[in-house]
Amino acid sequence: MAGREPLLSHRAPEASDGMGVQKSLTHQRRTTITMNPIKLKAMALRLRHRLYGRQFFRKRPGEDYPYVPSWPQVEPGGADQQQQQQQQQQQQRPASDRQASIGRLAETIIGPDNLLGLETIFYHPFSILLVASPLGFIAFMCDWGVSWTFWLNFLALVPLAKILGDATEELAASLNNDTVTGLLNATFGNAVEMIVSVQSIRCNLLSIVKASLLGSVLSNVLLVLGTAFFCGGLSSNTRQRGRNHSFHMPAEDFKASTGGLRREKEQKFGVKGALISIAMLLFSCMSFALPTIFNAYPSDDSKSVLKVSRIGACIVLSSYVAYLLFQLYTHERTLAREDEGDDSQEDGEDADEELGASLTRWCSLLLMCLTTVAVALNSEALVDSIESVVEKEGIPASFIGVILLPIAGNACEHASAIRFAIQDRPGLAIGIAVGSSTQIALLVVPFSVLVGWAVGKPLDLDFGLLNTAVVTFCILVLLALLLDGRSNWFKGYILVSMYAFLSVLYWFVPQAIQ
């Protein structure tokens, strides 16, 4: 267990000359452009640490103290006097306010500390639901009834999905390799959906597999992103204009306004990475739509659509590999360059490539393994009870697959995206929500088809005309809302309203369509 340093303020000493200022600015620009949409989930790890007033830094070999990101100090009366005034105003804010917002005053810890790291993971309101994990499995084994079995195991997946995501981020951060970190977050970011899909395929609930994967995409792009836009568009900020937000009102009106809600707010984000993800989602819609239309025509060969689906799954999976190569290697700087800039609000927050994991590599791996086993057990009990719940409770199978199951798996993304949006970082919220949907559509869907192929289950890409139309229209609406690179509360309301409409739709879907 590493040693702990006393409470420190992350402010660099004054630069002795202009060269120090230029070096700090160069370092900040360099670290800013190393971000790309695939790596945005790793920002949730740093946010989680800062919410608890801690910063974990990597310890370099042969050094007793970590590298702490810095930013330049400006001279009074210089060209950056306005930036200096903003920094002074920021320093005059109460320490508790600054720490609660982005953790500027935080306890600096050199290296990982397993006890403190586990505290940042488990000290969360979702952890209360962990009691449902053993109770749900006991209900399944002791036959407490389908209602108890279904709902206890459903609730158990909510904290388990969060813990599995946090453990994946900790393991990725401990590896200290940007490419491996991106691949790990991209591959295991939707592990819960993959486990539930495998369990459903094992039970031959192929319609539930398709519905849950479709629902995961819809939940991320409509509910998660819509709630993030809504909350971010209504959140307050002490600055009228920043790199990622602006209040379109006269300065005197902005200063006179008080309270937690301010009008005329608009958030800004880079559209390049978001549009690439939307394009990949539309490509995945094509992979759903064409086999569906193909299967709608009468044919003497009923296995043709299955062959098309399995070959198409391999092609879609290859496109996901190319997508990762594009994001992580060939165009890493290009995608992040549009987010380049120096904003005093961030206070060098992007320059945190030296921030490390709070858990050791083996502790993270052990936590991932234990959580995966728990997810497998609870999802097995959950899936086994679905048919009985549909029959006895009267809940439509389509509603369970499209609405209920994705909520449990996306709870972690929901919370992280809302936090980033409230902090006026909508680009990170989009990266989490749309990026997660892209992973499901391009990775989990073809993975499920190939798993069904391996175990002899006829899982194809025929999602049905209704489901295909729903996901295609939703992605087209999302594309229209993201094209201008701006977000507000009304756009969020539109997305959430669409999700509410779909919830009603899938509750009343006739059994013949299901």
Protein backbone atom coordinates (compact mmCIF):
# COMPACT_ATOMS: atom_id res chain seq x y z
CA MET A 1 0.00 0.00 0.00
CA ALA A 2 1.51 3.30 -1.04
CA GLY A 3 2.18 6.22 1.23
CA ARG A 4 -0.10 9.20 1.46
CA GLU A 5 0.83 12.85 1.20
CA PRO A 6 -0.88 15.65 3.14
CA LEU A 7 -3.57 17.85 1.66
CA LEU A 8 -2.10 19.77 -1.25
CA SER A 9 -3.34 22.46 -3.57
CA HIS A 10 -2.58 21.59 -7.17
CA ARG A 11 -1.03 24.93 -8.05
CA ALA A 12 2.35 25.18 -9.63
CA PRO A 13 4.98 27.56 -8.22
CA GLU A 14 5.42 30.79 -10.11
CA ALA A 15 7.42 30.44 -13.29
CA SER A 16 10.83 32.03 -13.04
CA ASP A 17 10.82 33.19 -16.64
CA GLY A 18 8.87 33.20 -19.84
CA MET A 19 10.35 29.84 -20.81
CA GLY A 20 8.54 28.17 -17.91
CA VAL A 21 5.25 29.67 -19.03
CA GLN A 22 5.77 28.52 -22.60
CA LYS A 23 6.77 25.02 -21.46
CA SER A 24 3.65 24.71 -19.33
CA LEU A 25 1.43 25.90 -22.17
CA THR A 26 3.08 23.46 -24.56
CA HIS A 27 2.55 20.63 -22.12
CA GLN A 28 -1.10 21.56 -21.73
CA ARG A 29 -1.67 21.60 -25.49
CA ARG A 30 0.07 18.28 -25.91
CA THR A 31 -1.95 16.56 -23.25
CA THR A 32 -5.18 18.09 -24.54
CA ILE A 33 -4.98 16.56 -27.99
CA THR A 34 -4.30 13.04 -26.73
CA MET A 35 -7.99 12.56 -25.90
CA ASN A 36 -10.31 10.71 -28.24
CA PRO A 37 -13.91 9.47 -27.95
CA ILE A 38 -12.92 5.87 -27.13
CA LYS A 39 -10.95 7.03 -24.06
CA LEU A 40 -13.65 9.30 -22.66
CA LYS A 41 -14.91 6.61 -20.28
CA ALA A 42 -11.59 6.80 -18.45
CA MET A 43 -12.52 10.35 -17.41
CA ALA A 44 -15.17 8.84 -15.12
CA LEU A 45 -12.36 7.32 -13.05
CA ARG A 46 -10.78 10.72 -12.40
CA LEU A 47 -14.15 12.25 -11.67
CA ARG A 48 -14.91 9.51 -9.15
CA HIS A 49 -11.60 10.13 -7.36
CA ARG A 50 -12.17 13.89 -7.26
CA LEU A 51 -15.67 13.54 -5.86
CA TYR A 52 -14.05 11.97 -2.80
CA GLY A 53 -11.40 14.69 -2.56
CA ARG A 54 -8.48 12.52 -3.68
CA GLN A 55 -6.02 12.42 -6.54
CA PHE A 56 -3.98 9.31 -7.27
CA PHE A 57 -0.73 9.95 -9.16
CA ARG A 58 1.63 7.46 -10.69
CA LYS A 59 4.94 7.18 -8.90
CA ARG A 60 7.84 7.43 -11.28
CA PRO A 61 10.83 5.14 -10.72
CA GLY A 62 13.48 6.79 -8.56
CA GLU A 63 11.24 9.71 -7.51
CA ASP A 64 9.65 10.30 -4.12
CA TYR A 65 6.95 12.65 -5.38
CA PRO A 66 4.55 12.40 -8.31
CA TYR A 67 4.35 14.74 -11.23
CA VAL A 68 1.52 17.22 -10.65
CA PRO A 69 0.09 19.04 -13.72
CA SER A 70 0.68 22.75 -13.68
CA TRP A 71 -0.40 25.87 -15.50
CA PRO A 72 1.32 29.21 -15.92
CA GLN A 73 1.06 32.19 -13.62
CA VAL A 74 0.58 35.49 -15.43
CA GLU A 75 1.93 38.88 -14.59
CA PRO A 76 -0.45 41.73 -13.66
CA GLY A 77 -1.22 44.03 -16.52
CA GLY A 78 -0.17 41.50 -19.15
CA ALA A 79 -2.12 40.14 -22.05
CA ASP A 80 -3.57 37.44 -19.85
CA GLN A 81 -4.82 39.76 -17.12
CA GLN A 82 -8.41 38.63 -17.64
CA GLN A 83 -7.35 35.02 -17.16
CA GLN A 84 -5.51 36.05 -13.96
CA GLN A 85 -8.63 37.75 -12.63
CA GLN A 86 -10.67 34.62 -13.36
CA GLN A 87 -8.09 32.50 -11.52
CA GLN A 88 -8.20 34.87 -8.54
CA GLN A 89 -12.00 34.68 -8.47
CA GLN A 90 -11.75 30.91 -8.59
CA GLN A 91 -9.27 30.91 -5.67
CA GLN A 92 -11.62 33.08 -3.61
CA ARG A 93 -14.40 30.50 -3.82
CA PRO A 94 -14.90 28.34 -0.71
CA ALA A 95 -12.64 25.31 -0.61
CA SER A 96 -15.60 22.97 -0.19
CA ASP A 97 -17.22 24.37 -3.34
CA ARG A 98 -14.08 23.96 -5.38
CA GLN A 99 -13.49 20.43 -4.13
CA ALA A 100 -17.07 19.40 -4.78
CA SER A 101 -16.98 20.71 -8.34
CA ILE A 102 -13.80 19.25 -9.80
CA GLY A 103 -11.61 18.52 -6.82
CA ARG A 104 -9.01 21.30 -7.17
CA LEU A 105 -8.03 20.93 -3.52
CA ALA A 106 -7.57 17.23 -3.04
CA GLU A 107 -5.54 14.81 -1.02
CA THR A 108 -2.62 13.78 -3.16
CA ILE A 109 -1.80 10.08 -2.96
CA ILE A 110 1.32 8.65 -4.56
CA GLY A 111 0.59 5.36 -6.24
CA PRO A 112 -2.45 3.10 -5.75
CA ASP A 113 -4.07 2.59 -2.35
CA ASN A 114 -6.40 -0.40 -2.40
CA LEU A 115 -8.43 0.53 0.67
CA LEU A 116 -9.03 4.10 -0.45
CA GLY A 117 -9.67 2.93 -4.02
CA LEU A 118 -12.29 0.41 -2.90
CA GLU A 119 -13.88 3.16 -0.84
CA THR A 120 -14.32 5.34 -3.94
CA ILE A 121 -16.00 2.40 -5.68
CA PHE A 122 -18.28 1.04 -2.96
CA TYR A 123 -19.15 4.27 -1.13
CA HIS A 124 -22.05 5.01 -3.46
CA PRO A 125 -25.85 4.95 -3.14
CA PHE A 126 -26.05 2.08 -5.64
CA SER A 127 -24.07 -0.10 -3.24
CA ILE A 128 -27.15 -0.42 -1.03
CA LEU A 129 -28.61 -2.66 -3.71
CA LEU A 130 -25.73 -5.14 -3.37
CA VAL A 131 -27.78 -6.93 -0.72
CA ALA A 132 -30.07 -8.00 -3.57
CA SER A 133 -27.29 -10.05 -5.19
CA PRO A 134 -27.12 -12.91 -2.64
CA LEU A 135 -30.84 -12.65 -1.92
CA GLY A 136 -31.67 -12.94 -5.60
CA PHE A 137 -29.57 -16.07 -6.03
CA ILE A 138 -31.06 -17.56 -2.85
CA ALA A 139 -34.55 -16.80 -4.14
CA PHE A 140 -33.67 -18.63 -7.35
CA MET A 141 -32.22 -21.68 -5.61
CA CYS A 142 -34.87 -21.90 -2.86
CA ASP A 143 -37.82 -21.16 -5.18
CA TRP A 144 -39.18 -18.06 -3.45
CA GLY A 145 -41.34 -17.31 -6.45
CA VAL A 146 -40.76 -15.79 -9.87
CA SER A 147 -41.53 -12.22 -8.75
CA TRP A 148 -38.94 -12.23 -5.96
CA THR A 149 -36.42 -13.95 -8.18
CA PHE A 150 -36.86 -11.55 -11.09
CA TRP A 151 -36.89 -8.27 -9.19
CA LEU A 152 -34.11 -9.12 -6.72
CA ASN A 153 -31.77 -10.21 -9.49
CA PHE A 154 -32.80 -7.21 -11.61
CA LEU A 155 -31.88 -4.83 -8.77
CA ALA A 156 -28.63 -6.72 -8.17
CA LEU A 157 -27.41 -5.99 -11.69
CA VAL A 158 -27.51 -2.21 -11.11
CA PRO A 159 -24.63 -1.98 -8.58
CA LEU A 160 -22.79 -4.92 -10.14
CA ALA A 161 -22.72 -3.15 -13.52
CA LYS A 162 -21.27 -0.05 -11.86
CA ILE A 163 -18.63 -1.99 -9.92
CA LEU A 164 -17.62 -3.96 -13.00
CA GLY A 165 -17.26 -0.73 -14.97
CA ASP A 166 -15.21 0.91 -12.21
CA ALA A 167 -12.95 -2.14 -11.88
CA THR A 168 -12.39 -2.15 -15.65
CA GLU A 169 -11.39 1.53 -15.56
CA GLU A 170 -9.02 0.91 -12.63
CA LEU A 171 -7.36 -2.01 -14.40
CA ALA A 172 -7.04 0.01 -17.60
CA ALA A 173 -5.46 2.92 -15.70
CA SER A 174 -3.01 0.63 -13.88
CA LEU A 175 -1.66 -0.73 -17.19
CA ASN A 176 -0.27 2.72 -18.10
CA ASN A 177 -0.71 2.17 -21.83
CA ASP A 178 -3.03 4.41 -23.85
CA THR A 179 -3.80 1.84 -26.55
CA VAL A 180 -4.44 -1.02 -24.11
CA THR A 181 -6.53 1.30 -21.96
CA GLY A 182 -8.73 2.24 -24.91
CA LEU A 183 -9.09 -1.37 -26.02
CA LEU A 184 -9.94 -2.57 -22.51
CA ASN A 185 -12.61 0.09 -21.99
CA ALA A 186 -13.98 -0.52 -25.50
CA THR A 187 -14.13 -4.30 -25.07
CA PHE A 188 -15.33 -4.70 -21.49
CA GLY A 189 -17.34 -1.50 -21.24
CA ASN A 190 -20.52 -3.46 -21.97
CA ALA A 191 -19.65 -6.71 -20.22
CA VAL A 192 -23.04 -6.90 -18.46
CA GLU A 193 -24.92 -6.81 -21.76
CA MET A 194 -22.65 -9.52 -23.16
CA ILE A 195 -23.18 -11.77 -20.13
CA VAL A 196 -26.97 -11.31 -20.20
CA SER A 197 -26.98 -12.07 -23.93
CA VAL A 198 -25.02 -15.29 -23.43
CA GLN A 199 -27.36 -16.40 -20.64
CA SER A 200 -30.41 -15.64 -22.79
CA ILE A 201 -28.95 -17.58 -25.73
CA ARG A 202 -28.32 -20.50 -23.40
CA CYS A 203 -32.00 -20.46 -22.40
CA ASN A 204 -33.05 -20.14 -26.08
CA LEU A 205 -34.66 -16.73 -25.43
CA LEU A 206 -33.48 -15.31 -28.73
CA SER A 207 -36.16 -12.62 -28.87
CA ILE A 208 -35.03 -11.34 -25.45
CA VAL A 209 -31.46 -11.14 -26.74
CA LYS A 210 -32.50 -8.95 -29.66
CA ALA A 211 -34.83 -6.82 -27.52
CA SER A 212 -32.24 -6.21 -24.78
CA LEU A 213 -29.53 -5.22 -27.26
CA LEU A 214 -31.91 -2.93 -29.11
CA GLY A 215 -33.03 -1.47 -25.78
CA SER A 216 -29.43 -0.83 -24.71
CA VAL A 217 -28.84 1.28 -27.82
CA LEU A 218 -32.09 3.20 -27.33
CA SER A 219 -31.49 3.67 -23.60
CA ASN A 220 -28.07 5.22 -24.18
CA VAL A 221 -28.93 7.56 -27.05
CA LEU A 222 -32.35 8.63 -25.74
CA LEU A 223 -32.56 8.27 -21.96
CA VAL A 224 -28.92 8.69 -20.92
CA LEU A 225 -27.99 11.42 -23.40
CA GLY A 226 -31.37 13.12 -23.13
CA THR A 227 -31.18 13.34 -19.35
CA ALA A 228 -27.59 14.63 -19.60
CA PHE A 229 -28.59 17.37 -22.07
CA PHE A 230 -31.61 18.29 -19.95
CA CYS A 231 -29.68 18.57 -16.68
CA GLY A 232 -26.68 20.24 -18.31
CA GLY A 233 -28.89 22.81 -20.04
CA LEU A 234 -30.48 23.82 -16.73
CA SER A 235 -27.35 23.74 -14.55
CA SER A 236 -25.79 26.98 -13.34
CA ASN A 237 -22.27 28.31 -13.79
CA THR A 238 -20.42 31.27 -12.31
CA ARG A 239 -18.96 32.19 -15.70
CA GLN A 240 -21.10 33.57 -18.49
CA ARG A 241 -18.97 32.08 -21.24
CA GLY A 242 -16.57 29.19 -21.35
CA ARG A 243 -15.07 26.80 -23.84
CA ASN A 244 -18.04 24.44 -23.50
CA HIS A 245 -20.93 26.72 -22.57
CA SER A 246 -22.38 30.20 -22.91
CA PHE A 247 -25.30 32.21 -21.53
CA HIS A 248 -26.78 34.34 -24.31
CA MET A 249 -27.77 37.40 -22.31
CA PRO A 250 -26.27 40.80 -21.50
CA ALA A 251 -23.48 40.71 -18.93
CA GLU A 252 -25.39 42.91 -16.49
CA ASP A 253 -28.40 40.58 -16.64
CA PHE A 254 -26.17 37.57 -16.02
CA LYS A 255 -24.56 39.18 -12.99
CA ALA A 256 -27.95 40.21 -11.63
CA SER A 257 -29.43 36.72 -11.97
CA THR A 258 -29.23 34.56 -8.88
CA GLY A 259 -30.24 31.07 -7.91
CA GLY A 260 -29.43 27.64 -9.26
CA LEU A 261 -31.33 28.05 -12.56
CA ARG A 262 -30.27 30.47 -15.26
CA ARG A 263 -31.91 30.99 -18.61
CA GLU A 264 -30.49 31.22 -22.13
CA LYS A 265 -27.85 28.55 -21.54
CA GLU A 266 -26.29 26.63 -24.41
CA GLN A 267 -23.55 24.00 -24.24
CA LYS A 268 -21.00 23.38 -27.00
CA PHE A 269 -19.19 20.23 -28.08
CA GLY A 270 -17.06 18.95 -30.93
CA VAL A 271 -19.09 17.21 -33.61
CA LYS A 272 -16.36 15.27 -35.44
CA GLY A 273 -16.12 12.29 -33.09
CA ALA A 274 -19.88 12.31 -32.43
CA LEU A 275 -20.72 12.20 -36.14
CA ILE A 276 -18.35 9.28 -36.69
CA SER A 277 -20.15 7.36 -33.94
CA ILE A 278 -23.53 8.28 -35.46
CA ALA A 279 -22.32 7.06 -38.86
CA MET A 280 -21.34 3.74 -37.31
CA LEU A 281 -24.77 3.49 -35.67
CA LEU A 282 -26.44 4.07 -39.04
CA PHE A 283 -24.20 1.38 -40.49
CA SER A 284 -25.38 -0.99 -37.76
CA CYS A 285 -29.00 -0.05 -38.60
CA MET A 286 -28.30 -1.15 -42.16
CA SER A 287 -27.06 -4.50 -40.84
CA PHE A 288 -30.40 -4.89 -38.99
CA ALA A 289 -32.66 -3.54 -41.74
CA LEU A 290 -31.37 -5.49 -44.73
CA PRO A 291 -31.70 -8.98 -43.17
CA THR A 292 -35.13 -7.97 -41.86
CA ILE A 293 -36.32 -6.90 -45.32
CA PHE A 294 -34.62 -9.93 -46.84
CA ASN A 295 -36.51 -12.25 -44.50
CA ALA A 296 -39.82 -10.45 -45.18
CA TYR A 297 -39.93 -11.80 -48.73
CA PRO A 298 -41.25 -15.36 -49.18
CA SER A 299 -38.46 -17.82 -49.78
CA ASP A 300 -38.09 -21.56 -50.05
CA ASP A 301 -34.75 -21.44 -48.21
CA SER A 302 -35.53 -20.46 -44.62
CA LYS A 303 -31.88 -20.68 -43.61
CA SER A 304 -30.70 -18.02 -46.03
CA VAL A 305 -31.27 -15.16 -43.58
CA LEU A 306 -29.28 -17.06 -40.94
CA LYS A 307 -26.35 -17.44 -43.33
CA VAL A 308 -26.54 -13.76 -44.28
CA SER A 309 -26.67 -12.79 -40.59
CA ARG A 310 -23.62 -14.84 -39.61
CA ILE A 311 -21.51 -13.58 -42.49
CA GLY A 312 -22.79 -10.05 -41.88
CA ALA A 313 -21.90 -10.33 -38.17
CA CYS A 314 -18.29 -11.06 -39.13
CA ILE A 315 -18.26 -8.01 -41.42
CA VAL A 316 -19.78 -5.75 -38.73
CA LEU A 317 -17.27 -7.04 -36.18
CA SER A 318 -14.42 -6.26 -38.57
CA SER A 319 -15.78 -2.72 -38.92
CA TYR A 320 -15.63 -2.36 -35.15
CA VAL A 321 -11.98 -3.40 -35.19
CA ALA A 322 -11.36 -0.80 -37.91
CA TYR A 323 -13.27 1.75 -35.81
CA LEU A 324 -10.95 1.11 -32.86
CA LEU A 325 -7.90 1.35 -35.11
CA PHE A 326 -9.18 4.67 -36.46
CA GLN A 327 -9.92 6.09 -33.00
CA LEU A 328 -6.87 4.83 -31.16
CA TYR A 329 -4.09 4.85 -33.73
CA THR A 330 -4.42 6.43 -37.15
CA HIS A 331 -6.56 9.52 -36.26
CA GLU A 332 -6.18 9.90 -32.52
CA ARG A 333 -4.95 13.50 -32.67
CA THR A 334 -7.29 14.50 -35.50
CA LEU A 335 -10.43 13.59 -33.57
CA ALA A 336 -9.26 15.36 -30.42
CA ARG A 337 -7.84 18.47 -32.11
CA GLU A 338 -11.22 20.20 -32.23
CA ASP A 339 -11.34 20.08 -28.44
CA GLU A 340 -8.01 21.87 -28.24
CA GLY A 341 -7.91 25.11 -26.32
CA ASP A 342 -6.92 26.79 -23.12
CA ASP A 343 -9.76 27.40 -20.71
CA SER A 344 -9.15 28.66 -17.24
CA GLN A 345 -12.23 26.88 -16.05
CA GLU A 346 -10.48 23.57 -16.59
CA ASP A 347 -7.38 24.79 -14.69
CA GLY A 348 -5.26 22.27 -16.48
CA GLU A 349 -7.69 19.50 -15.78
CA ASP A 350 -7.03 17.88 -19.11
CA ALA A 351 -3.32 17.78 -18.35
CA ASP A 352 -3.63 14.77 -16.11
CA GLU A 353 -1.93 12.02 -18.03
CA GLU A 354 0.11 11.38 -14.88
CA LEU A 355 -3.03 10.57 -12.88
CA GLY A 356 -3.05 6.90 -12.00
CA ALA A 357 -5.27 4.14 -10.69
CA SER A 358 -6.41 3.90 -7.08
CA LEU A 359 -6.23 0.09 -7.15
CA THR A 360 -3.30 -2.13 -7.94
CA ARG A 361 -3.41 -4.25 -11.06
CA TRP A 362 -4.08 -7.50 -9.22
CA CYS A 363 -6.71 -5.97 -6.95
CA SER A 364 -8.54 -4.57 -10.00
CA LEU A 365 -8.34 -7.93 -11.76
CA LEU A 366 -9.63 -9.77 -8.68
CA LEU A 367 -12.53 -7.33 -8.31
CA MET A 368 -13.39 -7.75 -12.01
CA CYS A 369 -13.39 -11.55 -11.71
CA LEU A 370 -15.55 -11.61 -8.57
CA THR A 371 -18.01 -9.13 -10.02
CA THR A 372 -18.20 -11.04 -13.31
CA VAL A 373 -19.05 -14.25 -11.43
CA ALA A 374 -21.77 -12.42 -9.48
CA VAL A 375 -23.19 -10.91 -12.69
CA ALA A 376 -23.22 -14.35 -14.33
CA LEU A 377 -25.08 -15.93 -11.40
CA ASN A 378 -27.65 -13.15 -11.03
CA SER A 379 -28.22 -12.82 -14.78
CA GLU A 380 -28.75 -16.59 -15.03
CA ALA A 381 -31.42 -16.44 -12.34
CA LEU A 382 -32.96 -13.36 -13.96
CA VAL A 383 -33.15 -14.85 -17.44
CA ASP A 384 -34.58 -18.13 -16.16
CA SER A 385 -37.46 -16.26 -14.53
CA ILE A 386 -38.42 -14.04 -17.50
CA GLU A 387 -40.86 -16.44 -19.15
CA SER A 388 -42.66 -17.08 -15.86
CA VAL A 389 -42.86 -13.35 -15.11
CA VAL A 390 -44.35 -12.70 -18.55
CA GLU A 391 -46.93 -15.42 -18.00
CA LYS A 392 -47.88 -14.71 -14.37
CA GLU A 393 -47.23 -10.97 -13.93
CA GLY A 394 -48.50 -9.87 -17.32
CA ILE A 395 -45.43 -7.79 -18.16
CA PRO A 396 -44.81 -7.93 -21.94
CA ALA A 397 -41.61 -9.65 -22.95
CA SER A 398 -40.78 -6.78 -25.31
CA PHE A 399 -41.05 -4.28 -22.43
CA ILE A 400 -38.73 -6.37 -20.27
CA GLY A 401 -36.16 -6.68 -23.05
CA VAL A 402 -36.27 -3.17 -24.51
CA ILE A 403 -36.92 -1.08 -21.37
CA LEU A 404 -36.18 -2.91 -18.09
CA LEU A 405 -33.02 -4.91 -18.76
CA PRO A 406 -31.06 -2.01 -20.36
CA ILE A 407 -31.78 0.24 -17.36
CA ALA A 408 -29.87 -2.11 -15.08
CA GLY A 409 -26.86 -2.26 -17.41
CA ASN A 410 -26.76 1.47 -18.20
CA ALA A 411 -27.10 2.89 -14.69
CA CYS A 412 -23.38 3.61 -14.45
CA GLU A 413 -23.26 5.40 -17.83
CA HIS A 414 -26.36 7.37 -16.85
CA ALA A 415 -24.79 8.73 -13.67
CA SER A 416 -21.43 9.55 -15.29
CA ALA A 417 -22.97 11.30 -18.30
CA ILE A 418 -25.18 13.48 -16.08
CA ARG A 419 -22.21 14.49 -13.92
CA PHE A 420 -20.17 15.53 -16.95
CA ALA A 421 -23.08 17.47 -18.47
CA ILE A 422 -23.71 19.35 -15.21
CA GLN A 423 -20.00 20.27 -15.17
CA ASP A 424 -20.48 21.75 -18.67
CA ARG A 425 -18.57 18.99 -20.44
CA PRO A 426 -21.19 17.74 -22.90
CA GLY A 427 -18.57 16.23 -25.19
CA LEU A 428 -17.70 13.70 -22.51
CA ALA A 429 -21.39 12.92 -21.92
CA ILE A 430 -21.86 12.30 -25.65
CA GLY A 431 -18.74 10.16 -25.73
CA ILE A 432 -20.12 7.95 -22.95
CA ALA A 433 -23.69 7.64 -24.24
CA VAL A 434 -23.17 7.45 -28.01
CA GLY A 435 -19.90 5.55 -27.63
CA SER A 436 -21.58 2.89 -25.51
CA SER A 437 -24.37 2.53 -28.09
CA THR A 438 -21.77 2.14 -30.83
CA GLN A 439 -20.02 -0.61 -28.88
CA ILE A 440 -23.28 -2.49 -28.40
CA ALA A 441 -24.33 -2.20 -32.05
CA LEU A 442 -20.94 -3.05 -33.54
CA LEU A 443 -19.52 -5.43 -30.93
CA VAL A 444 -22.17 -7.02 -28.70
CA VAL A 445 -24.73 -7.67 -31.46
CA PRO A 446 -22.35 -9.53 -33.82
CA PHE A 447 -20.74 -11.20 -30.78
CA SER A 448 -24.15 -12.57 -29.79
CA VAL A 449 -24.82 -13.87 -33.31
CA LEU A 450 -21.47 -15.64 -33.36
CA VAL A 451 -22.05 -17.10 -29.88
CA GLY A 452 -25.40 -18.43 -31.07
CA TRP A 453 -23.64 -19.92 -34.08
CA ALA A 454 -21.07 -21.58 -31.80
CA VAL A 455 -23.69 -23.20 -29.55
CA GLY A 456 -26.07 -24.12 -32.36
CA LYS A 457 -28.76 -21.47 -31.74
CA PRO A 458 -30.36 -19.80 -34.80
CA LEU A 459 -29.82 -16.19 -33.71
CA ASP A 460 -29.96 -13.89 -36.75
CA LEU A 461 -30.01 -10.17 -37.49
CA ASP A 462 -33.73 -10.08 -38.30
CA PHE A 463 -34.86 -7.70 -35.55
CA GLY A 464 -38.35 -7.27 -36.96
CA LEU A 465 -39.83 -4.40 -38.91
CA LEU A 466 -41.01 -2.49 -35.84
CA ASN A 467 -37.69 -2.67 -33.98
CA THR A 468 -35.70 -1.78 -37.08
CA ALA A 469 -37.91 1.24 -37.78
CA VAL A 470 -37.69 2.39 -34.16
CA VAL A 471 -33.90 2.32 -33.91
CA THR A 472 -33.43 3.89 -37.36
CA PHE A 473 -35.77 6.82 -36.69
CA CYS A 474 -34.23 7.42 -33.25
CA ILE A 475 -30.71 7.61 -34.65
CA LEU A 476 -31.84 9.95 -37.43
CA VAL A 477 -33.41 12.28 -34.85
CA LEU A 478 -30.23 12.11 -32.78
CA LEU A 479 -28.19 13.00 -35.86
CA ALA A 480 -30.35 16.06 -36.49
CA LEU A 481 -29.89 17.22 -32.88
CA LEU A 482 -26.09 16.83 -32.88
CA LEU A 483 -25.27 18.39 -36.25
CA ASP A 484 -24.91 21.96 -34.96
CA GLY A 485 -22.55 21.07 -32.08
CA ARG A 486 -24.88 22.69 -29.53
CA SER A 487 -27.07 21.29 -26.78
CA ASN A 488 -29.72 22.71 -24.45
CA TRP A 489 -32.41 21.44 -22.12
CA PHE A 490 -35.03 21.31 -24.88
CA LYS A 491 -32.99 18.88 -26.97
CA GLY A 492 -32.68 16.70 -23.90
CA TYR A 493 -36.43 16.87 -23.35
CA ILE A 494 -37.04 15.72 -26.94
CA LEU A 495 -34.83 12.66 -26.46
CA VAL A 496 -36.37 11.73 -23.12
CA SER A 497 -39.87 12.19 -24.55
CA MET A 498 -39.03 9.82 -27.38
CA TYR A 499 -37.89 7.22 -24.85
CA ALA A 500 -41.11 7.65 -22.84
CA PHE A 501 -43.16 7.22 -26.03
CA LEU A 502 -41.26 4.02 -26.86
CA SER A 503 -41.85 2.71 -23.34
CA VAL A 504 -45.61 3.06 -23.84
CA LEU A 505 -45.32 1.54 -27.30
CA TYR A 506 -43.51 -1.59 -26.12
CA TRP A 507 -45.93 -2.06 -23.23
CA PHE A 508 -48.84 -2.37 -25.68
CA VAL A 509 -47.06 -4.22 -28.51
CA PRO A 510 -49.32 -7.11 -29.60
CA GLN A 511 -48.09 -10.61 -28.95
CA ALA A 512 -48.09 -11.37 -32.67
CA ILE A 513 -45.56 -8.60 -33.32
CA GLN A 514 -43.42 -9.68 -30.35
